[in-house]
Protein backbone atom coordinates (compact mmCIF):
# COMPACT_ATOMS: atom_id res chain seq x y z
CA MET A 1 214.47 28.56 -264.56
CA THR A 2 216.59 28.24 -267.88
CA GLU A 3 216.27 31.88 -269.21
CA ASP A 4 218.36 34.06 -271.36
CA PRO A 5 218.46 37.18 -269.66
CA GLY A 6 219.26 38.81 -272.92
CA THR A 7 216.60 37.06 -275.06
CA ILE A 8 213.28 38.79 -274.59
CA ALA A 9 211.35 36.44 -276.21
CA ALA A 10 212.56 33.38 -274.29
CA THR A 11 212.23 34.69 -271.13
CA THR A 12 208.48 34.75 -271.13
CA SER A 13 207.61 31.63 -272.07
CA GLU A 14 210.58 29.89 -270.27
CA TYR A 15 209.36 31.35 -266.75
CA SER A 16 205.97 30.42 -267.74
CA ASP A 17 206.89 27.27 -268.49
CA TYR A 18 209.12 26.72 -264.86
CA TYR A 19 206.62 28.24 -262.90
CA ASP A 20 203.86 26.04 -264.49
CA GLN A 21 205.87 22.86 -263.04
CA ILE A 22 206.46 24.27 -259.73
CA ASN A 23 204.01 23.91 -256.68
CA PHE A 24 204.00 26.99 -254.54
CA THR A 25 203.11 27.14 -250.95
CA ASP A 26 199.78 27.00 -251.44
CA GLY A 27 199.45 23.94 -253.43
CA ALA A 28 198.54 25.17 -256.70
CA PRO A 29 200.94 25.50 -259.81
CA CYS A 30 201.33 29.05 -260.91
CA ASN A 31 198.66 29.80 -264.29
CA ASN A 32 200.61 31.87 -266.49
CA GLY A 33 198.03 31.87 -269.44
CA ASN A 34 197.04 35.54 -269.46
CA THR A 35 201.12 36.51 -269.50
CA LYS A 36 201.82 34.34 -272.31
CA GLU A 37 198.57 35.63 -274.20
CA PHE A 38 199.68 39.28 -273.66
CA SER A 39 203.22 38.76 -274.51
CA LYS A 40 201.90 37.07 -277.78
CA VAL A 41 200.62 40.59 -278.70
CA PHE A 42 202.49 43.08 -277.01
CA LEU A 43 206.06 41.81 -277.53
CA PRO A 44 205.89 41.41 -281.66
CA THR A 45 204.40 44.75 -281.86
CA LEU A 46 206.67 46.55 -279.81
CA TYR A 47 209.55 44.42 -281.19
CA SER A 48 208.35 45.63 -285.02
CA ILE A 49 208.39 49.19 -283.80
CA VAL A 50 211.63 49.24 -282.18
CA PHE A 51 213.10 46.92 -285.10
CA LEU A 52 211.60 49.78 -287.78
CA LEU A 53 212.61 52.98 -285.89
CA GLY A 54 216.05 51.83 -284.77
CA PHE A 55 216.81 50.52 -288.35
CA ILE A 56 216.25 53.83 -289.79
CA GLY A 57 218.46 55.79 -287.52
CA ASN A 58 220.91 54.06 -287.61
CA GLY A 59 221.43 52.73 -291.55
CA LEU A 60 221.35 56.69 -291.81
CA VAL A 61 224.31 57.29 -289.39
CA VAL A 62 226.13 53.90 -291.07
CA TRP A 63 225.36 54.97 -294.42
CA VAL A 64 226.47 58.85 -294.16
CA LEU A 65 229.68 57.41 -292.19
CA ILE A 66 230.86 55.16 -294.91
CA ARG A 67 229.88 58.07 -297.49
CA TYR A 68 232.34 60.33 -295.60
CA ARG A 69 234.52 57.70 -294.69
CA GLN A 70 237.49 59.78 -295.91
CA LYS A 71 237.44 62.67 -293.23
CA SER A 72 236.54 60.32 -290.61
CA ASN A 73 238.49 61.05 -287.42
CA MET A 74 238.47 58.91 -283.88
CA THR A 75 234.72 60.02 -283.23
CA ASP A 76 232.93 59.12 -286.43
CA VAL A 77 234.79 55.99 -285.83
CA CYS A 78 233.14 55.48 -282.74
CA LEU A 79 229.42 56.59 -283.88
CA PHE A 80 229.85 53.99 -286.52
CA ASN A 81 230.50 51.21 -284.14
CA LEU A 82 227.69 52.33 -282.04
CA ALA A 83 225.30 52.34 -284.71
CA LEU A 84 226.60 48.68 -286.20
CA SER A 85 226.14 47.65 -282.30
CA ASP A 86 222.47 49.06 -282.63
CA LEU A 87 222.12 47.86 -286.10
CA LEU A 88 223.41 44.18 -285.08
CA PHE A 89 221.16 43.03 -281.75
CA LEU A 90 218.08 45.28 -284.22
CA LEU A 91 218.18 42.33 -286.55
CA SER A 92 217.76 39.80 -283.80
CA LEU A 93 214.44 41.26 -283.01
CA PRO A 94 212.19 39.85 -285.92
CA PHE A 95 213.53 36.50 -284.83
CA TRP A 96 212.22 37.29 -281.57
CA ALA A 97 209.15 38.50 -282.39
CA HIS A 98 208.31 35.34 -284.27
CA SER A 99 209.22 33.41 -281.71
CA ALA A 100 207.18 34.82 -278.96
CA MET A 101 204.23 34.86 -281.60
CA GLU A 102 204.37 31.42 -282.64
CA GLU A 103 207.67 29.13 -281.39
CA TRP A 104 211.25 29.10 -282.59
CA ILE A 105 211.52 26.99 -285.93
CA PHE A 106 215.05 28.12 -286.75
CA GLY A 107 217.13 25.67 -285.63
CA THR A 108 219.95 25.33 -283.27
CA PHE A 109 222.28 26.77 -284.88
CA MET A 110 220.33 30.28 -285.81
CA CYS A 111 219.72 30.14 -281.84
CA HIS A 112 223.43 30.70 -281.37
CA THR A 113 223.95 32.95 -283.97
CA ILE A 114 220.74 35.34 -283.16
CA THR A 115 221.68 34.83 -279.33
CA GLY A 116 224.95 36.18 -280.29
CA PHE A 117 223.73 39.04 -282.92
CA PHE A 118 221.48 40.01 -279.58
CA THR A 119 224.16 39.91 -277.09
CA LEU A 120 226.99 41.06 -278.56
CA GLY A 121 224.85 43.96 -279.78
CA LEU A 122 223.77 45.23 -276.67
CA TYR A 123 226.94 44.87 -274.92
CA GLY A 124 228.54 46.76 -277.70
CA SER A 125 226.37 49.70 -277.63
CA ILE A 126 226.51 50.10 -273.90
CA PHE A 127 230.58 49.91 -274.21
CA PHE A 128 231.05 52.12 -277.14
CA MET A 129 228.76 54.91 -275.37
CA VAL A 130 230.94 54.48 -272.71
CA LEU A 131 233.83 54.81 -274.79
CA MET A 132 232.73 58.08 -276.52
CA THR A 133 232.17 59.30 -272.62
CA VAL A 134 235.53 58.62 -272.23
CA ASP A 135 237.25 60.16 -275.42
CA ARG A 136 235.11 63.66 -274.21
CA TYR A 137 236.76 63.35 -270.91
CA VAL A 138 240.30 63.08 -272.08
CA VAL A 139 239.88 65.47 -274.88
CA ILE A 140 238.21 67.98 -272.49
CA VAL A 141 239.61 67.19 -269.37
CA HIS A 142 243.08 66.21 -270.68
CA ALA A 143 243.64 67.98 -273.86
CA GLN A 144 247.44 68.22 -273.47
CA SER A 145 247.68 64.43 -273.23
CA ILE A 146 249.40 62.27 -275.53
CA PHE A 147 246.05 60.27 -276.08
CA SER A 148 243.73 63.31 -276.82
CA ARG A 149 247.07 64.70 -279.07
CA ASN A 150 247.01 61.40 -281.64
CA ARG A 151 242.84 61.05 -281.81
CA SER A 152 243.20 59.51 -285.23
CA ALA A 153 241.18 56.96 -286.91
CA LYS A 154 243.40 54.50 -286.34
CA MET A 155 243.33 55.09 -282.95
CA GLY A 156 239.27 54.99 -283.40
CA LEU A 157 239.75 51.58 -284.83
CA VAL A 158 242.12 49.94 -282.65
CA LEU A 159 239.91 50.89 -279.65
CA ALA A 160 236.82 49.96 -281.36
CA SER A 161 238.73 46.15 -282.00
CA PHE A 162 239.03 45.84 -278.44
CA VAL A 163 235.19 47.14 -277.68
CA TRP A 164 234.23 44.40 -280.07
CA VAL A 165 236.54 41.67 -277.94
CA LEU A 166 235.38 42.90 -274.82
CA SER A 167 231.86 42.31 -276.23
CA LEU A 168 232.30 39.24 -277.43
CA PHE A 169 233.75 37.64 -273.89
CA ALA A 170 230.40 39.13 -272.30
CA SER A 171 228.59 37.67 -274.45
CA LEU A 172 230.20 34.03 -274.89
CA PRO A 173 228.17 32.08 -272.08
CA ASN A 174 224.81 33.25 -273.42
CA ILE A 175 226.04 32.16 -277.02
CA ILE A 176 227.61 28.91 -275.94
CA PHE A 177 224.52 28.07 -273.82
CA ALA A 178 222.13 29.18 -276.41
CA LYS A 179 219.48 25.91 -276.88
CA GLN A 180 216.34 24.76 -278.85
CA LYS A 181 214.20 23.21 -276.48
CA MET A 182 210.55 21.47 -276.45
CA GLU A 183 208.81 22.67 -273.70
CA THR A 184 204.77 22.09 -273.39
CA SER A 185 204.94 21.42 -277.16
CA LYS A 186 206.41 24.46 -278.05
CA SER A 187 209.92 25.21 -279.52
CA SER A 188 211.88 28.12 -277.78
CA CYS A 189 215.60 29.40 -277.84
CA GLY A 190 217.14 30.56 -274.91
CA SER A 191 220.30 29.96 -272.62
CA GLU A 192 220.45 26.80 -270.87
CA PHE A 193 222.87 27.28 -268.17
CA PRO A 194 224.18 23.87 -266.57
CA SER A 195 223.95 25.30 -262.83
CA THR A 196 222.39 27.56 -260.92
CA ASN A 197 225.87 29.56 -260.33
CA TRP A 198 225.86 30.26 -264.08
CA LYS A 199 222.24 31.63 -264.25
CA SER A 200 223.55 33.78 -260.81
CA PHE A 201 226.64 35.06 -262.62
CA THR A 202 224.96 35.78 -265.85
CA TYR A 203 222.60 38.29 -263.75
CA LEU A 204 225.35 40.24 -262.28
CA LYS A 205 227.38 40.20 -264.92
CA MET A 206 224.48 41.86 -266.95
CA ASN A 207 224.02 44.15 -264.27
CA LEU A 208 227.62 45.34 -263.94
CA LEU A 209 228.16 45.59 -267.68
CA SER A 210 225.27 47.17 -268.38
CA TRP A 211 224.59 49.66 -265.70
CA ILE A 212 226.34 49.79 -262.93
CA ILE A 213 230.06 50.19 -263.90
CA PRO A 214 229.15 52.71 -267.23
CA LEU A 215 227.27 54.60 -265.35
CA ILE A 216 229.70 55.07 -262.26
CA ILE A 217 232.29 55.95 -265.68
CA MET A 218 229.65 58.28 -266.99
CA SER A 219 228.90 60.12 -264.22
CA PHE A 220 232.97 60.54 -263.17
CA CYS A 221 233.54 61.76 -266.40
CA TYR A 222 230.64 64.35 -266.83
CA SER A 223 231.28 65.26 -263.29
CA GLN A 224 234.77 66.83 -264.31
CA ILE A 225 233.58 67.66 -267.84
CA ILE A 226 230.93 70.11 -266.86
CA PRO A 227 233.08 72.37 -264.72
CA ILE A 228 235.25 73.10 -267.54
CA LEU A 229 232.41 73.75 -269.92
CA LEU A 230 230.71 76.41 -267.27
CA SER A 231 234.19 78.08 -267.14
CA ILE A 232 234.70 78.58 -271.11
CA LYS A 233 233.04 82.03 -272.08
CA SER A 234 231.06 80.91 -274.80
CA GLN A 235 227.35 80.72 -276.68
CA LYS A 236 227.17 76.80 -276.89
CA ARG A 237 228.55 75.65 -273.59
CA HIS A 238 225.09 75.49 -272.73
CA LYS A 239 223.70 73.58 -275.66
CA VAL A 240 226.38 71.02 -275.10
CA ILE A 241 226.10 70.86 -271.17
CA ARG A 242 222.18 70.15 -271.95
CA LEU A 243 223.38 67.38 -274.30
CA ILE A 244 225.39 65.97 -271.62
CA LEU A 245 223.04 65.39 -269.25
CA ALA A 246 220.29 64.35 -271.95
CA VAL A 247 222.74 61.60 -272.54
CA VAL A 248 223.25 60.15 -268.57
CA ALA A 249 219.47 61.08 -268.15
CA VAL A 250 218.11 59.19 -271.21
CA TYR A 251 220.73 56.25 -270.39
CA PHE A 252 219.40 56.11 -266.83
CA LEU A 253 215.83 56.52 -267.44
CA PHE A 254 215.80 53.40 -270.25
CA TRP A 255 218.18 51.20 -268.45
CA THR A 256 217.30 51.76 -264.89
CA PRO A 257 214.11 49.75 -264.43
CA TYR A 258 215.70 46.56 -266.72
CA ASN A 259 218.33 46.51 -263.96
CA ILE A 260 215.83 46.90 -261.33
CA VAL A 261 214.05 43.38 -262.52
CA MET A 262 217.06 42.05 -263.46
CA PHE A 263 218.56 42.34 -260.14
CA LEU A 264 214.99 40.61 -258.62
CA MET A 265 215.43 37.90 -261.14
CA TYR A 266 218.85 37.28 -259.70
CA LEU A 267 217.41 37.49 -256.01
CA GLN A 268 214.88 34.36 -257.62
CA THR A 269 217.85 32.06 -258.07
CA LYS A 270 218.91 32.46 -254.18
CA GLY A 271 215.15 31.35 -253.36
CA TYR A 272 213.52 34.53 -252.31
CA LEU A 273 210.01 36.59 -254.05
CA LEU A 274 209.14 32.44 -255.62
CA SER A 275 205.82 32.85 -254.94
CA CYS A 276 203.08 32.94 -257.83
CA GLU A 277 202.00 36.26 -257.66
CA SER A 278 205.73 37.48 -257.51
CA HIS A 279 206.50 35.34 -260.55
CA THR A 280 203.70 37.21 -263.10
CA SER A 281 204.82 41.00 -261.85
CA LEU A 282 208.44 40.23 -262.68
CA THR A 283 207.36 38.48 -265.86
CA LEU A 284 204.99 41.64 -267.16
CA ALA A 285 207.40 43.71 -266.29
CA MET A 286 210.10 42.43 -267.89
CA GLN A 287 208.43 42.71 -271.09
CA TRP A 288 207.69 46.38 -270.30
CA VAL A 289 211.07 47.18 -269.08
CA GLU A 290 213.76 44.99 -271.35
CA THR A 291 211.55 46.72 -274.39
CA ILE A 292 211.99 50.37 -273.48
CA ALA A 293 216.09 48.92 -272.85
CA LEU A 294 215.85 48.10 -276.12
CA SER A 295 214.32 51.19 -277.61
CA HIS A 296 216.92 53.10 -276.50
CA CYS A 297 218.93 52.21 -279.38
CA CYS A 298 216.39 54.53 -281.47
CA LEU A 299 217.71 57.53 -279.35
CA ASN A 300 221.08 56.73 -279.96
CA PRO A 301 221.05 58.41 -283.51
CA ILE A 302 219.49 61.61 -282.28
CA ILE A 303 221.61 61.78 -279.11
CA TYR A 304 225.01 60.88 -280.59
CA ALA A 305 225.10 61.70 -284.22
CA PHE A 306 221.68 64.10 -285.33
CA ALA A 307 222.58 66.62 -282.49
CA GLY A 308 225.86 67.56 -284.06
CA GLN A 309 225.31 70.40 -286.50
CA LYS A 310 228.61 68.58 -288.83
CA PHE A 311 227.09 65.10 -288.90
CA ARG A 312 223.36 67.14 -289.85
CA ARG A 313 224.81 68.50 -292.21
CA ALA A 314 226.01 65.73 -293.77
CA VAL A 315 222.93 63.85 -293.50
CA LEU A 316 221.27 66.68 -295.24
CA LYS A 317 224.00 66.65 -298.01
CA VAL A 318 223.95 62.93 -298.63
CA LEU A 319 219.98 62.57 -299.12
CA LYS A 320 219.86 65.82 -301.63
CA GLU A 321 222.18 64.20 -303.61
CA HIS A 322 220.11 60.99 -303.52
CA PHE A 323 216.87 62.07 -303.56
CA PRO A 324 216.88 65.14 -305.16
CA LEU A 325 213.56 65.84 -306.24
CA CYS A 326 212.04 65.60 -302.70
CA PHE A 327 214.64 68.09 -301.19
CA SER A 328 213.98 70.50 -304.23
CA GLN A 329 210.25 70.79 -303.25
CA CYS A 330 210.72 70.67 -299.74
CA ALA A 331 213.44 74.01 -300.40
CA THR A 332 210.94 75.81 -302.72
CA PHE A 333 208.15 74.97 -299.69
CA SER A 334 210.33 75.93 -297.11
CA GLN A 335 211.62 79.83 -299.35
CA GLN A 336 207.47 80.12 -299.94
CA LEU A 337 206.75 79.73 -296.23
CA SER A 338 210.02 82.06 -294.95
CA GLU A 339 208.84 84.78 -297.91
CA ARG A 340 205.55 84.89 -296.74
CA ARG A 341 206.29 85.20 -293.32
CA SER A 342 208.60 87.99 -293.86
CA SER A 343 205.60 89.72 -296.16
CA VAL A 344 203.19 89.35 -292.62
CA PHE A 345 206.17 90.83 -290.54
CA THR A 346 206.82 93.52 -292.58
CA LYS A 347 202.96 94.38 -293.08
CA SER A 348 202.67 93.97 -289.42
CA SER A 349 205.46 96.58 -288.60
CA GLU A 350 204.25 98.95 -291.69
CA TYR A 351 200.92 99.07 -289.59
CA SER A 352 202.32 99.28 -285.93
CA SER A 353 204.19 102.76 -287.18
CA THR A 354 201.13 103.82 -289.26
CA GLN A 355 199.39 103.26 -285.32
CA ILE A 356 202.78 105.14 -283.49
CA ALA A 357 202.37 108.27 -286.23
């Protein structure tokens, strides 16, 4: 097996090629023709949808934060880098979509580069979500700490630089061992590790860094945050708590299936689940769960940016500045609709008063 655990398009083709060359217990090679044909249609379609939705949402976040960079604080810096991470690995999806549909035609250098975009953006997105969680924890639970009092944009830049370096180190094995290969007369791009131990290490690294450690940190931080919010007498506290629960629930729902399948693939490197049926099921499952995990980037702008009232106002202000005609018509329509509802409500009230009299 020479698949890249972060490269979706390469995963299907490389697993298929590997199993086509192996005789299982019944002595027959594993036929993955249906799986390959399914991936040629399924993967490019979903990659295109995720790319378009994610690019629009995260692009808007980056645009607005650059527009108001003079007023940036640490939260804004984290939001900016989170959106930048999502955009980075979204840029790789058109290449993987073409590779799944046809073959890899972009050369070895681009194989290293696109693999780097994908893995660096993937780890960066996860790590910045964890950083934002820790930041909320410090601000709410340890409001009087030195860190809480020095949450400036400069501090955000320092921490963001650390996160990018950490993401680069996590991505290095995939980038270094990325390679363009010719298998069964078709060129593909994937990470070809020198030994089974490297592959096992990469699977466990992905499980630990993309799911287990972030989930532990997020669960601990929010378990400390929620009781404090509940003790505050504010009408907005329930909205904040719902948002926090949504963050954890969405992250868990989108990344758990992927990490389960990744762990099962780790077991394959150890000699388990090597039947043809297991391989076919895992290959199909990986196409679904990895696309679901990727689509989490489309929700990041909604969960972390658009949910905030301050950011929503900034988005509307920027859009009104650049698209005044559209927004003036929308505002006129909204005003007319509001007046019509008010008129209907007034008439209804008058009618009810007459009936009572």
